[in-house]
Amino acid sequence: MSAVIQALMRAGGNLLEPRILALLLLPVFGSFVLWAVLTWVFWDAWTGFVSGAVGSTLVAGWLQSWSAMWVIDYTAVLAVLIAVLPALLVTALVITEIVAMPVIVRFVAERYYPALGHALGGSVAGSIANAMLAIAVFAMLWVITLPLWLTGIGAVLAPLLTSAYLNQRLFRYDAMADHADREEFAQFVRLYRGDLYVLGILVSMLLYVPLLNLMVPVLAGLAFTHFSLGRLADLRRTAV
């Protein structure tokens, strides 16, 4: 647990480094601009699709008998917004993975672990496959946990836990790809899976903090890189 906190503290301390500062808000603003444009272009199509789907159910007939068809329109708007929110998060993390992680990993390795050798156990294809699997599982978990949004505390816990899964799954691979071989990476995940989830939860909790949430994607990349390379260095020391 202390290693998790240390990684998060070091990540916070790195946010004002010139190389990191240049990337800090890019993922969030890039994701926001992309989805703002897509929502503006496709809003009528998306809400119309949801309205049509709901309008073909027995509930629609009951609402019509009570002159409450407006409920369908509000439901369509809410459904589209609920779908766009996780899409914003996923897009910001993917932008971080593509644009920021190469800079972050190089920065952390050079500054804190200059003696850590390159094993090149990962690859671009592996990173893409990992990201696709992570996003697919995240989307499935998001859909499965949607009913929890109606239970009060579930509206906080469900997105927190699903985004924690996505964070740790995405960043652990890219943080280790250049420095660990496949056996080291497998051992790392096996030994530190619990810590990775704890770090994912802590980072995801920061999404609820105004202004700081704009920095979360890059902060997450830094924290997972610090934790991963630190544990890799420990594993190599104990193996000697």
Protein backbone atom coordinates (compact mmCIF):
# COMPACT_ATOMS: atom_id res chain seq x y z
CA MET A 1 0.00 0.00 0.00
CA SER A 2 2.86 2.38 0.78
CA ALA A 3 4.21 1.83 -2.74
CA VAL A 4 0.81 2.83 -4.17
CA ILE A 5 0.72 6.06 -2.14
CA GLN A 6 4.34 6.82 -3.02
CA ALA A 7 3.60 6.37 -6.73
CA LEU A 8 0.61 8.69 -6.49
CA MET A 9 2.58 11.32 -4.56
CA ARG A 10 5.45 11.23 -7.04
CA ALA A 11 2.98 11.51 -9.91
CA GLY A 12 1.43 14.59 -8.34
CA GLY A 13 4.86 16.12 -7.88
CA ASN A 14 5.66 15.59 -11.58
CA LEU A 15 2.63 17.44 -12.95
CA LEU A 16 4.49 20.75 -13.21
CA GLU A 17 7.52 19.29 -14.97
CA PRO A 18 7.84 21.05 -18.37
CA ARG A 19 7.57 17.83 -20.41
CA ILE A 20 4.50 16.74 -18.45
CA LEU A 21 2.91 20.18 -18.26
CA ALA A 22 2.88 20.41 -22.04
CA LEU A 23 0.66 17.31 -22.17
CA LEU A 24 -1.38 17.83 -19.02
CA LEU A 25 -4.73 18.99 -20.38
CA LEU A 26 -4.44 17.62 -23.91
CA PRO A 27 -6.29 14.32 -23.31
CA VAL A 28 -9.31 15.89 -21.59
CA PHE A 29 -9.71 18.79 -23.97
CA GLY A 30 -9.09 16.59 -26.99
CA SER A 31 -11.77 14.17 -25.82
CA PHE A 32 -14.20 16.98 -24.99
CA VAL A 33 -13.82 18.65 -28.38
CA LEU A 34 -14.23 15.35 -30.23
CA TRP A 35 -17.40 14.34 -28.38
CA ALA A 36 -18.82 17.86 -28.44
CA VAL A 37 -18.59 17.81 -32.24
CA LEU A 38 -19.96 14.26 -32.51
CA THR A 39 -22.84 15.06 -30.15
CA TRP A 40 -23.70 18.25 -32.04
CA VAL A 41 -23.70 16.40 -35.38
CA PHE A 42 -25.49 13.23 -34.28
CA TRP A 43 -27.69 14.44 -31.39
CA ASP A 44 -30.97 14.19 -33.30
CA ALA A 45 -30.04 10.78 -34.71
CA TRP A 46 -28.99 9.38 -31.34
CA THR A 47 -31.96 10.70 -29.36
CA GLY A 48 -34.29 9.71 -32.21
CA PHE A 49 -32.96 6.16 -32.13
CA VAL A 50 -33.52 5.86 -28.38
CA SER A 51 -36.98 7.46 -28.63
CA GLY A 52 -37.92 5.04 -31.38
CA ALA A 53 -36.70 2.06 -29.38
CA VAL A 54 -38.57 3.12 -26.25
CA GLY A 55 -41.63 4.15 -28.29
CA SER A 56 -42.07 0.62 -29.60
CA THR A 57 -42.49 -0.86 -26.10
CA LEU A 58 -45.63 -1.43 -24.05
CA VAL A 59 -44.49 1.31 -21.69
CA ALA A 60 -44.92 3.84 -24.49
CA GLY A 61 -48.56 2.87 -24.90
CA TRP A 62 -49.15 3.29 -21.19
CA LEU A 63 -47.43 6.70 -21.23
CA GLN A 64 -49.54 7.78 -24.20
CA SER A 65 -52.73 6.91 -22.35
CA TRP A 66 -51.60 9.21 -19.56
CA SER A 67 -50.48 11.97 -22.01
CA ALA A 68 -46.94 11.58 -20.73
CA MET A 69 -45.01 10.98 -23.93
CA TRP A 70 -42.58 13.68 -22.83
CA VAL A 71 -41.05 11.02 -20.55
CA ILE A 72 -39.73 9.23 -23.64
CA ASP A 73 -38.02 12.40 -24.87
CA TYR A 74 -36.34 12.97 -21.50
CA THR A 75 -35.36 9.31 -21.34
CA ALA A 76 -33.69 9.60 -24.75
CA VAL A 77 -31.71 12.65 -23.66
CA LEU A 78 -30.63 10.95 -20.42
CA ALA A 79 -29.65 7.74 -22.22
CA VAL A 80 -27.46 9.62 -24.71
CA LEU A 81 -25.76 11.61 -21.96
CA ILE A 82 -25.10 8.44 -19.94
CA ALA A 83 -23.53 6.87 -23.02
CA VAL A 84 -21.38 9.93 -23.81
CA LEU A 85 -19.90 10.23 -20.30
CA PRO A 86 -17.95 6.94 -20.36
CA ALA A 87 -17.03 7.64 -23.98
CA LEU A 88 -15.41 10.90 -22.84
CA LEU A 89 -13.38 9.05 -20.22
CA VAL A 90 -12.30 6.26 -22.56
CA THR A 91 -11.28 8.72 -25.27
CA ALA A 92 -9.23 10.80 -22.82
CA LEU A 93 -7.43 7.68 -21.58
CA VAL A 94 -6.75 6.46 -25.11
CA ILE A 95 -5.33 9.87 -26.07
CA THR A 96 -3.14 9.67 -22.96
CA GLU A 97 -2.02 6.17 -23.92
CA ILE A 98 -1.11 7.17 -27.47
CA VAL A 99 0.29 10.68 -27.00
CA ALA A 100 1.40 11.01 -23.39
CA MET A 101 2.55 7.57 -22.22
CA PRO A 102 5.70 7.41 -24.40
CA VAL A 103 6.77 10.75 -22.91
CA ILE A 104 5.74 9.75 -19.39
CA VAL A 105 7.54 6.40 -19.42
CA ARG A 106 10.72 7.94 -20.82
CA PHE A 107 10.58 10.77 -18.24
CA VAL A 108 10.02 8.48 -15.23
CA ALA A 109 12.62 5.94 -16.37
CA GLU A 110 15.29 8.57 -16.99
CA ARG A 111 14.61 10.50 -13.80
CA TYR A 112 14.01 7.71 -11.29
CA TYR A 113 15.24 4.43 -12.79
CA PRO A 114 18.18 5.22 -15.10
CA ALA A 115 19.74 1.79 -14.51
CA LEU A 116 16.59 -0.11 -15.46
CA GLY A 117 17.31 -2.02 -18.65
CA HIS A 118 15.05 -2.28 -21.69
CA ALA A 119 13.63 -5.77 -22.26
CA LEU A 120 11.03 -4.69 -24.86
CA GLY A 121 8.51 -7.34 -23.88
CA GLY A 122 5.63 -5.28 -25.22
CA SER A 123 4.75 -4.09 -28.70
CA VAL A 124 2.46 -1.69 -30.53
CA ALA A 125 0.24 -4.59 -31.54
CA GLY A 126 0.14 -5.78 -27.93
CA SER A 127 -0.79 -2.31 -26.74
CA ILE A 128 -3.63 -2.08 -29.26
CA ALA A 129 -4.93 -5.54 -28.35
CA ASN A 130 -4.74 -4.71 -24.64
CA ALA A 131 -6.60 -1.42 -25.16
CA MET A 132 -9.34 -3.05 -27.24
CA LEU A 133 -9.89 -5.77 -24.64
CA ALA A 134 -9.86 -3.25 -21.78
CA ILE A 135 -12.41 -1.01 -23.51
CA ALA A 136 -14.66 -3.96 -24.41
CA VAL A 137 -14.71 -5.23 -20.82
CA PHE A 138 -15.23 -1.68 -19.51
CA ALA A 139 -18.20 -1.18 -21.84
CA MET A 140 -19.71 -4.49 -20.74
CA LEU A 141 -19.25 -3.62 -17.07
CA TRP A 142 -20.74 -0.17 -17.64
CA VAL A 143 -23.89 -1.64 -19.21
CA ILE A 144 -24.22 -4.34 -16.52
CA THR A 145 -23.90 -1.82 -13.69
CA LEU A 146 -26.29 0.79 -15.13
CA PRO A 147 -29.16 -0.32 -12.83
CA LEU A 148 -26.92 0.53 -9.86
CA TRP A 149 -27.15 4.19 -10.91
CA LEU A 150 -30.68 4.17 -9.48
CA THR A 151 -29.59 3.00 -6.02
CA GLY A 152 -27.93 6.17 -4.72
CA ILE A 153 -24.55 4.90 -3.55
CA GLY A 154 -24.36 2.76 -6.67
CA ALA A 155 -24.27 5.90 -8.80
CA VAL A 156 -20.91 6.66 -7.19
CA LEU A 157 -19.45 3.18 -6.78
CA ALA A 158 -20.34 1.74 -10.20
CA PRO A 159 -18.44 4.30 -12.33
CA LEU A 160 -15.65 4.39 -9.74
CA LEU A 161 -14.99 0.65 -9.92
CA THR A 162 -15.42 0.33 -13.68
CA SER A 163 -13.07 3.22 -14.38
CA ALA A 164 -10.59 1.73 -11.87
CA TYR A 165 -10.56 -1.47 -13.92
CA LEU A 166 -10.00 0.50 -17.13
CA ASN A 167 -7.19 2.59 -15.67
CA GLN A 168 -5.16 -0.31 -14.34
CA ARG A 169 -5.73 -2.48 -17.41
CA LEU A 170 -4.70 0.21 -19.89
CA PHE A 171 -1.72 1.74 -18.13
CA ARG A 172 -0.02 -1.31 -16.62
CA TYR A 173 0.83 -2.66 -20.09
CA ASP A 174 2.17 0.58 -21.56
CA ALA A 175 4.11 1.41 -18.39
CA MET A 176 6.02 -1.89 -18.64
CA ALA A 177 6.16 -2.51 -22.39
CA ASP A 178 9.64 -1.07 -22.96
CA HIS A 179 11.35 -2.32 -19.82
CA ALA A 180 9.91 -5.73 -18.85
CA ASP A 181 10.01 -9.00 -20.74
CA ARG A 182 6.88 -11.14 -20.93
CA GLU A 183 7.76 -13.29 -17.94
CA GLU A 184 8.49 -10.25 -15.79
CA PHE A 185 5.22 -8.62 -16.83
CA ALA A 186 3.21 -11.76 -16.02
CA GLN A 187 4.91 -12.00 -12.63
CA PHE A 188 4.29 -8.31 -11.96
CA VAL A 189 0.55 -8.61 -12.67
CA ARG A 190 0.28 -11.77 -10.59
CA LEU A 191 2.02 -10.27 -7.56
CA TYR A 192 0.59 -6.76 -7.65
CA ARG A 193 -2.91 -7.16 -9.09
CA GLY A 194 -4.50 -5.97 -5.85
CA ASP A 195 -2.26 -2.91 -5.61
CA LEU A 196 -2.99 -2.06 -9.24
CA TYR A 197 -6.72 -2.04 -8.51
CA VAL A 198 -6.20 0.07 -5.39
CA LEU A 199 -4.22 2.59 -7.42
CA GLY A 200 -6.93 2.52 -10.07
CA ILE A 201 -9.59 3.27 -7.45
CA LEU A 202 -7.59 6.12 -5.91
CA VAL A 203 -6.99 7.71 -9.31
CA SER A 204 -10.65 7.26 -10.26
CA MET A 205 -11.76 8.98 -7.04
CA LEU A 206 -9.97 12.10 -8.24
CA LEU A 207 -12.45 12.28 -11.13
CA TYR A 208 -14.93 13.67 -8.59
CA VAL A 209 -12.63 16.56 -7.62
CA PRO A 210 -13.34 19.71 -9.69
CA LEU A 211 -10.39 21.02 -11.74
CA LEU A 212 -8.17 18.18 -10.58
CA ASN A 213 -10.28 15.82 -12.68
CA LEU A 214 -8.97 17.59 -15.78
CA MET A 215 -5.50 16.27 -14.95
CA VAL A 216 -6.51 12.71 -14.03
CA PRO A 217 -5.59 10.95 -17.31
CA VAL A 218 -1.99 12.19 -17.25
CA LEU A 219 -1.78 11.80 -13.46
CA ALA A 220 -2.94 8.20 -13.85
CA GLY A 221 -0.32 7.54 -16.50
CA LEU A 222 2.38 8.94 -14.22
CA ALA A 223 1.19 7.04 -11.14
CA PHE A 224 0.98 3.68 -12.90
CA THR A 225 4.39 4.22 -14.50
CA HIS A 226 5.99 5.06 -11.16
CA PHE A 227 4.39 2.04 -9.51
CA SER A 228 5.15 -0.37 -12.35
CA LEU A 229 8.78 0.56 -12.92
CA GLY A 230 9.40 0.66 -9.18
CA ARG A 231 8.05 -2.85 -8.74
CA LEU A 232 10.02 -4.07 -11.76
CA ALA A 233 13.21 -2.73 -10.20
CA ASP A 234 12.31 -4.55 -6.96
CA LEU A 235 11.69 -7.82 -8.79
CA ARG A 236 15.05 -7.63 -10.53
CA ARG A 237 16.88 -6.88 -7.28
CA THR A 238 15.33 -9.89 -5.55
CA ALA A 239 16.11 -12.11 -8.54
CA VAL A 240 19.84 -11.37 -8.34
